[in-house]
Amino acid sequence: MSYAANHPEVKKMDPSERMEGAGIQIGGSVGLEQDGVIRAVVKGDVRSTCKLVISKGSVVSGVVQARDIRLEGEVEGGVEGAGQVWLVAGSRLRSRCVAAALRIEAGADFSGEIRVGE
């Protein structure tokens, strides 16, 4: 998993550099080039070319873009999934959701615009 936090550009980093664990705060954008799990507070956007999980307790203030997105935490800027977006019970999404397919579990908190299948 590679992370980059140089806003506004997302730069590649060595895959051996990992950032995970409670209490991590990222002030900028994050870019991933493989499947990944975000366990942090991100004050910026998160972009991935693959599958992405925003884990429980994580907060993203910007937009999350990925092929497939599983939201367990919180996103304030909206999500854009080229494939499936899944909002699990206890997750919170504000703004908008754009996805080819959308799954919302009972107990998920969503407020905003939905565009599915476009």
Foldseek 3Di string as FASTA:
>chain_A
DFWAQDPPDTDGDPPVDDDDDPPAEGEHETEEAEEEEDHYEYAYEYEYAAEYEDADPYEYAAEYEYQEYEYQEEYAHEYAHAAEYEDEANYEYEAEYEHQYYHYDPNYHYDYYYHYND
